[in-house]
């Protein structure tokens, strides 16, 4: 399977996602968040740095769950240009964690 090159919009959205996750992670270590989300620390590092602009849905769902973020709010926040100005934890992204 050949992946098509990412559009500039997809790259920008990936960068906004990474910034949002870094803010939401706060002082928690990348290792702790990655392990709690059952993803590799390298995967989380690449997402947070914007190197993986289009991570899989299950990966983002797991990370968002660990960070207490609403997937709807994450999508709304990263999909609009200029998004990410409001720090995570300010109320509009918080939600109850998913239960198993």
PDB file of N, CA and C in Angstrom:
ATOM      1  N   UNK A   1       0.845  -1.180   0.000  1.00  0.00           N
ATOM      2  CA  UNK A   1       0.000   0.000   0.000  1.00  0.00           C
ATOM      3  C   UNK A   1       0.885   1.237   0.000  1.00  0.00           C
ATOM      4  N   UNK A   2       0.585   2.146  -0.896  1.00  0.00           N
ATOM      5  CA  UNK A   2       1.346   3.379  -1.014  1.00  0.00           C
ATOM      6  C   UNK A   2       0.552   4.492  -0.351  1.00  0.00           C
ATOM      7  N   UNK A   3       1.219   5.218   0.532  1.00  0.00           N
ATOM      8  CA  UNK A   3       0.560   6.361   1.170  1.00  0.00           C
ATOM      9  C   UNK A   3       0.730   7.591   0.313  1.00  0.00           C
ATOM     10  N   UNK A   4      -0.336   8.320   0.133  1.00  0.00           N
ATOM     11  CA  UNK A   4      -0.263   9.577  -0.592  1.00  0.00           C
ATOM     12  C   UNK A   4       0.418  10.620   0.282  1.00  0.00           C
ATOM     13  N   UNK A   5       1.115  11.567  -0.337  1.00  0.00           N
ATOM     14  CA  UNK A   5       1.730  12.641   0.458  1.00  0.00           C
ATOM     15  C   UNK A   5       0.652  13.411   1.219  1.00  0.00           C
ATOM     16  N   UNK A   6       1.022  13.870   2.399  1.00  0.00           N
ATOM     17  CA  UNK A   6       0.082  14.642   3.206  1.00  0.00           C
ATOM     18  C   UNK A   6      -0.078  16.039   2.634  1.00  0.00           C
ATOM     19  N   UNK A   7      -1.270  16.555   2.758  1.00  0.00           N
ATOM     20  CA  UNK A   7      -1.520  17.932   2.338  1.00  0.00           C
ATOM     21  C   UNK A   7      -0.966  18.871   3.408  1.00  0.00           C
ATOM     22  N   UNK A   8      -0.715  20.119   3.052  1.00  0.00           N
ATOM     23  CA  UNK A   8      -0.274  21.084   4.067  1.00  0.00           C
ATOM     24  C   UNK A   8      -1.270  21.193   5.225  1.00  0.00           C
ATOM     25  N   UNK A   9      -2.558  21.050   4.927  1.00  0.00           N
ATOM     26  CA  UNK A   9      -3.587  21.128   5.971  1.00  0.00           C
ATOM     27  C   UNK A   9      -3.459  19.949   6.940  1.00  0.00           C
ATOM     28  N   UNK A  10      -3.188  18.758   6.412  1.00  0.00           N
ATOM     29  CA  UNK A  10      -3.011  17.585   7.272  1.00  0.00           C
ATOM     30  C   UNK A  10      -1.777  17.732   8.150  1.00  0.00           C
ATOM     31  N   UNK A  11      -0.715  18.260   7.587  1.00  0.00           N
ATOM     32  CA  UNK A  11       0.512  18.476   8.363  1.00  0.00           C
ATOM     33  C   UNK A  11       0.248  19.475   9.487  1.00  0.00           C
ATOM     34  N   UNK A  12      -0.442  20.570   9.160  1.00  0.00           N
ATOM     35  CA  UNK A  12      -0.760  21.585  10.168  1.00  0.00           C
ATOM     36  C   UNK A  12      -1.665  21.018  11.255  1.00  0.00           C
ATOM     37  N   UNK A  13      -2.656  20.231  10.854  1.00  0.00           N
ATOM     38  CA  UNK A  13      -3.561  19.608  11.830  1.00  0.00           C
ATOM     39  C   UNK A  13      -2.786  18.663  12.752  1.00  0.00           C
ATOM     40  N   UNK A  14      -1.826  17.915  12.197  1.00  0.00           N
ATOM     41  CA  UNK A  14      -0.985  17.038  13.012  1.00  0.00           C
ATOM     42  C   UNK A  14      -0.155  17.823  14.013  1.00  0.00           C
ATOM     43  N   UNK A  15       0.332  18.971  13.606  1.00  0.00           N
ATOM     44  CA  UNK A  15       1.099  19.816  14.524  1.00  0.00           C
ATOM     45  C   UNK A  15       0.214  20.360  15.637  1.00  0.00           C
ATOM     46  N   UNK A  16      -1.019  20.738  15.276  1.00  0.00           N
ATOM     47  CA  UNK A  16      -1.947  21.219  16.314  1.00  0.00           C
ATOM     48  C   UNK A  16      -2.306  20.099  17.282  1.00  0.00           C
ATOM     49  N   UNK A  17      -2.494  18.876  16.751  1.00  0.00           N
ATOM     50  CA  UNK A  17      -2.781  17.734  17.616  1.00  0.00           C
ATOM     51  C   UNK A  17      -1.627  17.503  18.584  1.00  0.00           C
ATOM     52  N   UNK A  18      -0.412  17.511  18.078  1.00  0.00           N
ATOM     53  CA  UNK A  18       0.756  17.306  18.937  1.00  0.00           C
ATOM     54  C   UNK A  18       0.839  18.347  20.038  1.00  0.00           C
ATOM     55  N   UNK A  19       0.620  19.607  19.676  1.00  0.00           N
ATOM     56  CA  UNK A  19       0.674  20.679  20.672  1.00  0.00           C
ATOM     57  C   UNK A  19      -0.419  20.508  21.721  1.00  0.00           C
ATOM     58  N   UNK A  20      -1.608  20.122  21.274  1.00  0.00           N
ATOM     59  CA  UNK A  20      -2.727  19.900  22.200  1.00  0.00           C
ATOM     60  C   UNK A  20      -2.395  18.781  23.185  1.00  0.00           C
ATOM     61  N   UNK A  21      -1.858  17.680  22.684  1.00  0.00           N
ATOM     62  CA  UNK A  21      -1.520  16.553  23.561  1.00  0.00           C
ATOM     63  C   UNK A  21      -0.408  16.918  24.540  1.00  0.00           C
ATOM     64  N   UNK A  22       0.588  17.675  24.081  1.00  0.00           N
ATOM     65  CA  UNK A  22       1.663  18.106  24.991  1.00  0.00           C
ATOM     66  C   UNK A  22       1.098  18.964  26.116  1.00  0.00           C
ATOM     67  N   UNK A  23       0.213  19.907  25.763  1.00  0.00           N
ATOM     68  CA  UNK A  23      -0.393  20.766  26.793  1.00  0.00           C
ATOM     69  C   UNK A  23      -1.223  19.936  27.766  1.00  0.00           C
ATOM     70  N   UNK A  24      -1.993  19.009  27.229  1.00  0.00           N
ATOM     71  CA  UNK A  24      -2.861  18.187  28.078  1.00  0.00           C
ATOM     72  C   UNK A  24      -2.036  17.269  28.979  1.00  0.00           C
ATOM     73  N   UNK A  25      -0.903  16.820  28.485  1.00  0.00           N
ATOM     74  CA  UNK A  25      -0.040  15.931  29.284  1.00  0.00           C
ATOM     75  C   UNK A  25       0.546  16.692  30.468  1.00  0.00           C
ATOM     76  N   UNK A  26       0.770  17.981  30.301  1.00  0.00           N
ATOM     77  CA  UNK A  26       1.297  18.803  31.389  1.00  0.00           C
ATOM     78  C   UNK A  26       2.612  18.281  31.919  1.00  0.00           C
ATOM     79  N   UNK A  27       2.671  18.058  33.219  1.00  0.00           N
ATOM     80  CA  UNK A  27       3.903  17.608  33.874  1.00  0.00           C
ATOM     81  C   UNK A  27       4.035  16.085  33.902  1.00  0.00           C
ATOM     82  N   UNK A  28       3.011  15.383  33.434  1.00  0.00           N
ATOM     83  CA  UNK A  28       3.110  13.912  33.381  1.00  0.00           C
ATOM     84  C   UNK A  28       4.202  13.537  32.394  1.00  0.00           C
ATOM     85  N   UNK A  29       4.920  12.490  32.703  1.00  0.00           N
ATOM     86  CA  UNK A  29       5.986  12.073  31.796  1.00  0.00           C
ATOM     87  C   UNK A  29       5.388  11.430  30.550  1.00  0.00           C
ATOM     88  N   UNK A  30       6.109  11.589  29.458  1.00  0.00           N
ATOM     89  CA  UNK A  30       5.693  10.973  28.210  1.00  0.00           C
ATOM     90  C   UNK A  30       5.625   9.455  28.373  1.00  0.00           C
ATOM     91  N   UNK A  31       6.573   8.896  29.113  1.00  0.00           N
ATOM     92  CA  UNK A  31       6.616   7.451  29.328  1.00  0.00           C
ATOM     93  C   UNK A  31       5.359   6.976  30.052  1.00  0.00           C
ATOM     94  N   UNK A  32       4.969   7.669  31.123  1.00  0.00           N
ATOM     95  CA  UNK A  32       3.784   7.271  31.884  1.00  0.00           C
ATOM     96  C   UNK A  32       2.518   7.325  31.028  1.00  0.00           C
ATOM     97  N   UNK A  33       2.357   8.410  30.274  1.00  0.00           N
ATOM     98  CA  UNK A  33       1.160   8.551  29.431  1.00  0.00           C
ATOM     99  C   UNK A  33       1.150   7.469  28.361  1.00  0.00           C
ATOM    100  N   UNK A  34       2.284   7.239  27.719  1.00  0.00           N
ATOM    101  CA  UNK A  34       2.357   6.221  26.665  1.00  0.00           C
ATOM    102  C   UNK A  34       2.020   4.836  27.213  1.00  0.00           C
ATOM    103  N   UNK A  35       2.611   4.488  28.341  1.00  0.00           N
ATOM    104  CA  UNK A  35       2.350   3.171  28.916  1.00  0.00           C
ATOM    105  C   UNK A  35       0.891   3.024  29.326  1.00  0.00           C
ATOM    106  N   UNK A  36       0.320   4.074  29.920  1.00  0.00           N
ATOM    107  CA  UNK A  36      -1.094   4.018  30.311  1.00  0.00           C
ATOM    108  C   UNK A  36      -2.014   3.885  29.091  1.00  0.00           C
ATOM    109  N   UNK A  37      -1.599   4.462  27.958  1.00  0.00           N
ATOM    110  CA  UNK A  37      -2.400   4.403  26.733  1.00  0.00           C
ATOM    111  C   UNK A  37      -2.090   3.166  25.893  1.00  0.00           C
ATOM    112  N   UNK A  38      -1.119   2.377  26.340  1.00  0.00           N
ATOM    113  CA  UNK A  38      -0.711   1.173  25.616  1.00  0.00           C
ATOM    114  C   UNK A  38      -0.185   1.496  24.216  1.00  0.00           C
ATOM    115  N   UNK A  39       0.580   2.592  24.128  1.00  0.00           N
ATOM    116  CA  UNK A  39       1.309   2.925  22.904  1.00  0.00           C
ATOM    117  C   UNK A  39       2.771   3.084  23.288  1.00  0.00           C
ATOM    118  N   UNK A  40       3.637   3.001  22.317  1.00  0.00           N
ATOM    119  CA  UNK A  40       5.053   3.143  22.625  1.00  0.00           C
ATOM    120  C   UNK A  40       5.377   4.607  22.902  1.00  0.00           C
ATOM    121  N   UNK A  41       6.348   4.846  23.780  1.00  0.00           N
ATOM    122  CA  UNK A  41       6.775   6.232  24.014  1.00  0.00           C
ATOM    123  C   UNK A  41       7.237   6.896  22.717  1.00  0.00           C
ATOM    124  N   UNK A  42       7.842   6.124  21.824  1.00  0.00           N
ATOM    125  CA  UNK A  42       8.286   6.676  20.534  1.00  0.00           C
ATOM    126  C   UNK A  42       7.097   7.140  19.700  1.00  0.00           C
ATOM    127  N   UNK A  43       6.020   6.384  19.720  1.00  0.00           N
ATOM    128  CA  UNK A  43       4.819   6.790  18.990  1.00  0.00           C
ATOM    129  C   UNK A  43       4.272   8.092  19.554  1.00  0.00           C
ATOM    130  N   UNK A  44       4.171   8.182  20.863  1.00  0.00           N
ATOM    131  CA  UNK A  44       3.672   9.408  21.488  1.00  0.00           C
ATOM    132  C   UNK A  44       4.597  10.580  21.180  1.00  0.00           C
ATOM    133  N   UNK A  45       5.902  10.347  21.222  1.00  0.00           N
ATOM    134  CA  UNK A  45       6.859  11.420  20.922  1.00  0.00           C
ATOM    135  C   UNK A  45       6.669  11.916  19.492  1.00  0.00           C
ATOM    136  N   UNK A  46       6.499  11.000  18.557  1.00  0.00           N
ATOM    137  CA  UNK A  46       6.320  11.389  17.158  1.00  0.00           C
ATOM    138  C   UNK A  46       5.012  12.148  16.958  1.00  0.00           C
ATOM    139  N   UNK A  47       3.956  11.731  17.625  1.00  0.00           N
ATOM    140  CA  UNK A  47       2.680  12.442  17.507  1.00  0.00           C
ATOM    141  C   UNK A  47       2.809  13.841  18.104  1.00  0.00           C
ATOM    142  N   UNK A  48       3.381  13.927  19.295  1.00  0.00           N
ATOM    143  CA  UNK A  48       3.516  15.231  19.953  1.00  0.00           C
ATOM    144  C   UNK A  48       4.414  16.189  19.175  1.00  0.00           C
ATOM    145  N   UNK A  49       5.396  15.652  18.465  1.00  0.00           N
ATOM    146  CA  UNK A  49       6.306  16.511  17.702  1.00  0.00           C
ATOM    147  C   UNK A  49       5.760  16.836  16.316  1.00  0.00           C
ATOM    148  N   UNK A  50       4.634  16.218  15.939  1.00  0.00           N
ATOM    149  CA  UNK A  50       4.047  16.461  14.634  1.00  0.00           C
ATOM    150  C   UNK A  50       4.637  15.605  13.530  1.00  0.00           C
ATOM    151  N   UNK A  51       5.544  14.701  13.856  1.00  0.00           N
ATOM    152  CA  UNK A  51       6.157  13.835  12.844  1.00  0.00           C
ATOM    153  C   UNK A  51       5.171  12.797  12.322  1.00  0.00           C
ATOM    154  N   UNK A  52       4.174  12.437  13.113  1.00  0.00           N
ATOM    155  CA  UNK A  52       3.092  11.560  12.651  1.00  0.00           C
ATOM    156  C   UNK A  52       1.848  12.433  12.626  1.00  0.00           C
ATOM    157  N   UNK A  53       1.554  12.951  11.450  1.00  0.00           N
ATOM    158  CA  UNK A  53       0.459  13.912  11.325  1.00  0.00           C
ATOM    159  C   UNK A  53      -0.911  13.256  11.283  1.00  0.00           C
ATOM    160  N   UNK A  54      -0.952  11.969  10.934  1.00  0.00           N
ATOM    161  CA  UNK A  54      -2.240  11.283  10.824  1.00  0.00           C
ATOM    162  C   UNK A  54      -2.192   9.965  11.596  1.00  0.00           C
ATOM    163  N   UNK A  55      -2.102  10.034  12.923  1.00  0.00           N
ATOM    164  CA  UNK A  55      -2.085   8.799  13.709  1.00  0.00           C
ATOM    165  C   UNK A  55      -3.423   8.074  13.611  1.00  0.00           C
ATOM    166  N   UNK A  56      -3.399   6.782  13.906  1.00  0.00           N
ATOM    167  CA  UNK A  56      -4.629   5.993  13.814  1.00  0.00           C
ATOM    168  C   UNK A  56      -5.636   6.428  14.881  1.00  0.00           C
ATOM    169  N   UNK A  57      -6.899   6.203  14.565  1.00  0.00           N
ATOM    170  CA  UNK A  57      -7.956   6.561  15.507  1.00  0.00           C
ATOM    171  C   UNK A  57      -7.801   5.849  16.849  1.00  0.00           C
ATOM    172  N   UNK A  58      -7.554   4.515  16.871  1.00  0.00           N
ATOM    173  CA  UNK A  58      -7.408   3.858  18.174  1.00  0.00           C
ATOM    174  C   UNK A  58      -6.268   4.443  19.022  1.00  0.00           C
ATOM    175  N   UNK A  59      -5.202   4.861  18.357  1.00  0.00           N
ATOM    176  CA  UNK A  59      -4.080   5.457  19.093  1.00  0.00           C
ATOM    177  C   UNK A  59      -4.495   6.770  19.734  1.00  0.00           C
ATOM    178  N   UNK A  60      -5.138   7.628  18.963  1.00  0.00           N
ATOM    179  CA  UNK A  60      -5.576   8.914  19.509  1.00  0.00           C
ATOM    180  C   UNK A  60      -6.655   8.709  20.559  1.00  0.00           C
ATOM    181  N   UNK A  61      -7.554   7.765  20.345  1.00  0.00           N
ATOM    182  CA  UNK A  61      -8.598   7.494  21.343  1.00  0.00           C
ATOM    183  C   UNK A  61      -7.975   7.053  22.661  1.00  0.00           C
ATOM    184  N   UNK A  62      -6.970   6.199  22.608  1.00  0.00           N
ATOM    185  CA  UNK A  62      -6.320   5.716  23.830  1.00  0.00           C
ATOM    186  C   UNK A  62      -5.594   6.845  24.556  1.00  0.00           C
ATOM    187  N   UNK A  63      -4.886   7.668  23.807  1.00  0.00           N
ATOM    188  CA  UNK A  63      -4.152   8.780  24.429  1.00  0.00           C
ATOM    189  C   UNK A  63      -5.133   9.787  25.010  1.00  0.00           C
ATOM    190  N   UNK A  64      -6.182  10.118  24.245  1.00  0.00           N
ATOM    191  CA  UNK A  64      -7.185  11.066  24.735  1.00  0.00           C
ATOM    192  C   UNK A  64      -7.840  10.550  26.013  1.00  0.00           C
ATOM    193  N   UNK A  65      -8.125   9.259  26.067  1.00  0.00           N
ATOM    194  CA  UNK A  65      -8.732   8.677  27.257  1.00  0.00           C
ATOM    195  C   UNK A  65      -7.820   8.852  28.468  1.00  0.00           C
ATOM    196  N   UNK A  66      -6.560   8.546  28.301  1.00  0.00           N
ATOM    197  CA  UNK A  66      -5.606   8.673  29.414  1.00  0.00           C
ATOM    198  C   UNK A  66      -5.503  10.129  29.875  1.00  0.00           C
ATOM    199  N   UNK A  67      -5.575  11.049  28.928  1.00  0.00           N
ATOM    200  CA  UNK A  67      -5.447  12.470  29.273  1.00  0.00           C
ATOM    201  C   UNK A  67      -6.774  13.110  29.667  1.00  0.00           C
ATOM    202  N   UNK A  68      -7.867  12.334  29.583  1.00  0.00           N
ATOM    203  CA  UNK A  68      -9.177  12.873  29.960  1.00  0.00           C
ATOM    204  C   UNK A  68      -9.728  13.866  28.961  1.00  0.00           C
ATOM    205  N   UNK A  69      -9.404  13.669  27.673  1.00  0.00           N
ATOM    206  CA  UNK A  69      -9.867  14.579  26.633  1.00  0.00           C
ATOM    207  C   UNK A  69     -11.042  13.986  25.876  1.00  0.00           C
ATOM    208  N   UNK A  70     -11.978  14.804  25.505  1.00  0.00           N
ATOM    209  CA  UNK A  70     -13.094  14.413  24.667  1.00  0.00           C
ATOM    210  C   UNK A  70     -12.623  14.336  23.216  1.00  0.00           C
ATOM    211  N   UNK A  71     -12.911  13.228  22.545  1.00  0.00           N
ATOM    212  CA  UNK A  71     -12.524  13.108  21.136  1.00  0.00           C
ATOM    213  C   UNK A  71     -13.235  14.143  20.270  1.00  0.00           C
ATOM    214  N   UNK A  72     -14.481  14.430  20.567  1.00  0.00           N
ATOM    215  CA  UNK A  72     -15.206  15.447  19.803  1.00  0.00           C
ATOM    216  C   UNK A  72     -14.531  16.805  19.942  1.00  0.00           C
ATOM    217  N   UNK A  73     -14.168  17.151  21.158  1.00  0.00           N
ATOM    218  CA  UNK A  73     -13.533  18.440  21.392  1.00  0.00           C
ATOM    219  C   UNK A  73     -12.129  18.481  20.783  1.00  0.00           C
ATOM    220  N   UNK A  74     -11.399  17.362  20.853  1.00  0.00           N
ATOM    221  CA  UNK A  74     -10.067  17.315  20.236  1.00  0.00           C
ATOM    222  C   UNK A  74     -10.205  17.570  18.743  1.00  0.00           C
ATOM    223  N   UNK A  75     -11.128  16.862  18.086  1.00  0.00           N
ATOM    224  CA  UNK A  75     -11.308  17.034  16.649  1.00  0.00           C
ATOM    225  C   UNK A  75     -11.693  18.477  16.319  1.00  0.00           C
ATOM    226  N   UNK A  76     -12.622  19.029  17.068  1.00  0.00           N
ATOM    227  CA  UNK A  76     -13.045  20.407  16.811  1.00  0.00           C
ATOM    228  C   UNK A  76     -11.875  21.368  16.992  1.00  0.00           C
ATOM    229  N   UNK A  77     -11.057  21.117  18.002  1.00  0.00           N
ATOM    230  CA  UNK A  77      -9.945  22.008  18.303  1.00  0.00           C
ATOM    231  C   UNK A  77      -8.859  21.948  17.237  1.00  0.00           C
ATOM    232  N   UNK A  78      -8.531  20.771  16.762  1.00  0.00           N
ATOM    233  CA  UNK A  78      -7.426  20.658  15.810  1.00  0.00           C
ATOM    234  C   UNK A  78      -7.859  20.894  14.373  1.00  0.00           C
ATOM    235  N   UNK A  79      -9.153  20.896  14.094  1.00  0.00           N
ATOM    236  CA  UNK A  79      -9.639  21.021  12.724  1.00  0.00           C
ATOM    237  C   UNK A  79      -9.808  22.455  12.269  1.00  0.00           C
ATOM    238  N   UNK A  80      -9.746  23.383  13.163  1.00  0.00           N
ATOM    239  CA  UNK A  80      -9.908  24.768  12.731  1.00  0.00           C
ATOM    240  C   UNK A  80      -8.561  25.482  12.754  1.00  0.00           C
ATOM    241  N   UNK A  81      -8.270  26.251  11.713  1.00  0.00           N
ATOM    242  CA  UNK A  81      -7.013  27.002  11.681  1.00  0.00           C
ATOM    243  C   UNK A  81      -6.911  27.942  12.875  1.00  0.00           C
ATOM    244  N   UNK A  82      -5.726  28.052  13.400  1.00  0.00           N
ATOM    245  CA  UNK A  82      -5.506  28.899  14.565  1.00  0.00           C
ATOM    246  C   UNK A  82      -5.915  28.239  15.856  1.00  0.00           C
ATOM    247  N   UNK A  83      -6.278  26.959  15.801  1.00  0.00           N
ATOM    248  CA  UNK A  83      -6.703  26.230  16.998  1.00  0.00           C
ATOM    249  C   UNK A  83      -5.528  26.028  17.925  1.00  0.00           C
ATOM    250  N   UNK A  84      -5.847  25.736  19.154  1.00  0.00           N
ATOM    251  CA  UNK A  84      -4.811  25.406  20.113  1.00  0.00           C
ATOM    252  C   UNK A  84      -4.403  26.558  20.989  1.00  0.00           C
ATOM    253  N   UNK A  85      -5.048  27.724  20.842  1.00  0.00           N
ATOM    254  CA  UNK A  85      -4.669  28.867  21.655  1.00  0.00           C
ATOM    255  C   UNK A  85      -5.124  28.706  23.096  1.00  0.00           C
ATOM    256  N   UNK A  86      -6.225  27.994  23.291  1.00  0.00           N
ATOM    257  CA  UNK A  86      -6.745  27.792  24.645  1.00  0.00           C
ATOM    258  C   UNK A  86      -6.050  26.595  25.276  1.00  0.00           C
ATOM    259  N   UNK A  87      -5.450  26.792  26.463  1.00  0.00           N
ATOM    260  CA  UNK A  87      -4.733  25.677  27.066  1.00  0.00           C
ATOM    261  C   UNK A  87      -5.653  24.537  27.472  1.00  0.00           C
ATOM    262  N   UNK A  88      -5.150  23.316  27.333  1.00  0.00           N
ATOM    263  CA  UNK A  88      -5.913  22.146  27.768  1.00  0.00           C
ATOM    264  C   UNK A  88      -6.171  22.248  29.258  1.00  0.00           C
ATOM    265  N   UNK A  89      -7.297  21.746  29.680  1.00  0.00           N
ATOM    266  CA  UNK A  89      -7.649  21.824  31.090  1.00  0.00           C
ATOM    267  C   UNK A  89      -8.456  23.070  31.392  1.00  0.00           C
ATOM    268  N   UNK A  90      -8.719  23.890  30.359  1.00  0.00           N
ATOM    269  CA  UNK A  90      -9.477  25.106  30.580  1.00  0.00           C
ATOM    270  C   UNK A  90     -10.976  24.854  30.593  1.00  0.00           C
ATOM    271  N   UNK A  91     -11.367  23.588  30.415  1.00  0.00           N
ATOM    272  CA  UNK A  91     -12.771  23.260  30.552  1.00  0.00           C
ATOM    273  C   UNK A  91     -13.409  22.690  29.314  1.00  0.00           C
ATOM    274  N   UNK A  92     -13.060  23.168  28.118  1.00  0.00           N
ATOM    275  CA  UNK A  92     -13.799  22.713  26.951  1.00  0.00           C
ATOM    276  C   UNK A  92     -13.349  21.366  26.434  1.00  0.00           C
ATOM    277  N   UNK A  93     -12.224  20.832  26.875  1.00  0.00           N
ATOM    278  CA  UNK A  93     -11.765  19.533  26.402  1.00  0.00           C
ATOM    279  C   UNK A  93     -11.940  18.434  27.428  1.00  0.00           C
ATOM    280  N   UNK A  94     -12.162  18.793  28.667  1.00  0.00           N
ATOM    281  CA  UNK A  94     -12.229  17.789  29.724  1.00  0.00           C
ATOM    282  C   UNK A  94     -13.481  16.949  29.586  1.00  0.00           C
ATOM    283  N   UNK A  95     -13.371  15.721  30.034  1.00  0.00           N
ATOM    284  CA  UNK A  95     -14.514  14.819  30.027  1.00  0.00           C
ATOM    285  C   UNK A  95     -14.225  13.667  30.990  1.00  0.00           C
ATOM    286  N   UNK A  96     -15.239  12.843  31.183  1.00  0.00           N
ATOM    287  CA  UNK A  96     -15.067  11.670  32.013  1.00  0.00           C
ATOM    288  C   UNK A  96     -14.272  10.625  31.247  1.00  0.00           C
ATOM    289  N   UNK A  97     -13.332   9.916  31.888  1.00  0.00           N
ATOM    290  CA  UNK A  97     -12.579   8.875  31.202  1.00  0.00           C
ATOM    291  C   UNK A  97     -13.488   7.754  30.714  1.00  0.00           C
ATOM    292  N   UNK A  98     -13.076   7.104  29.616  1.00  0.00           N
ATOM    293  CA  UNK A  98     -13.807   5.942  29.124  1.00  0.00           C
ATOM    294  C   UNK A  98     -13.665   4.812  30.123  1.00  0.00           C
ATOM    295  N   UNK A  99     -14.662   3.973  30.197  1.00  0.00           N
ATOM    296  CA  UNK A  99     -14.563   2.818  31.086  1.00  0.00           C
ATOM    297  C   UNK A  99     -14.459   1.566  30.246  1.00  0.00           C
ATOM    298  N   UNK A 100     -13.774   0.565  30.773  1.00  0.00           N
ATOM    299  CA  UNK A 100     -13.566  -0.668  30.014  1.00  0.00           C
ATOM    300  C   UNK A 100     -14.747  -1.587  30.129  1.00  0.00           C
TER     301      UNK A 100
END
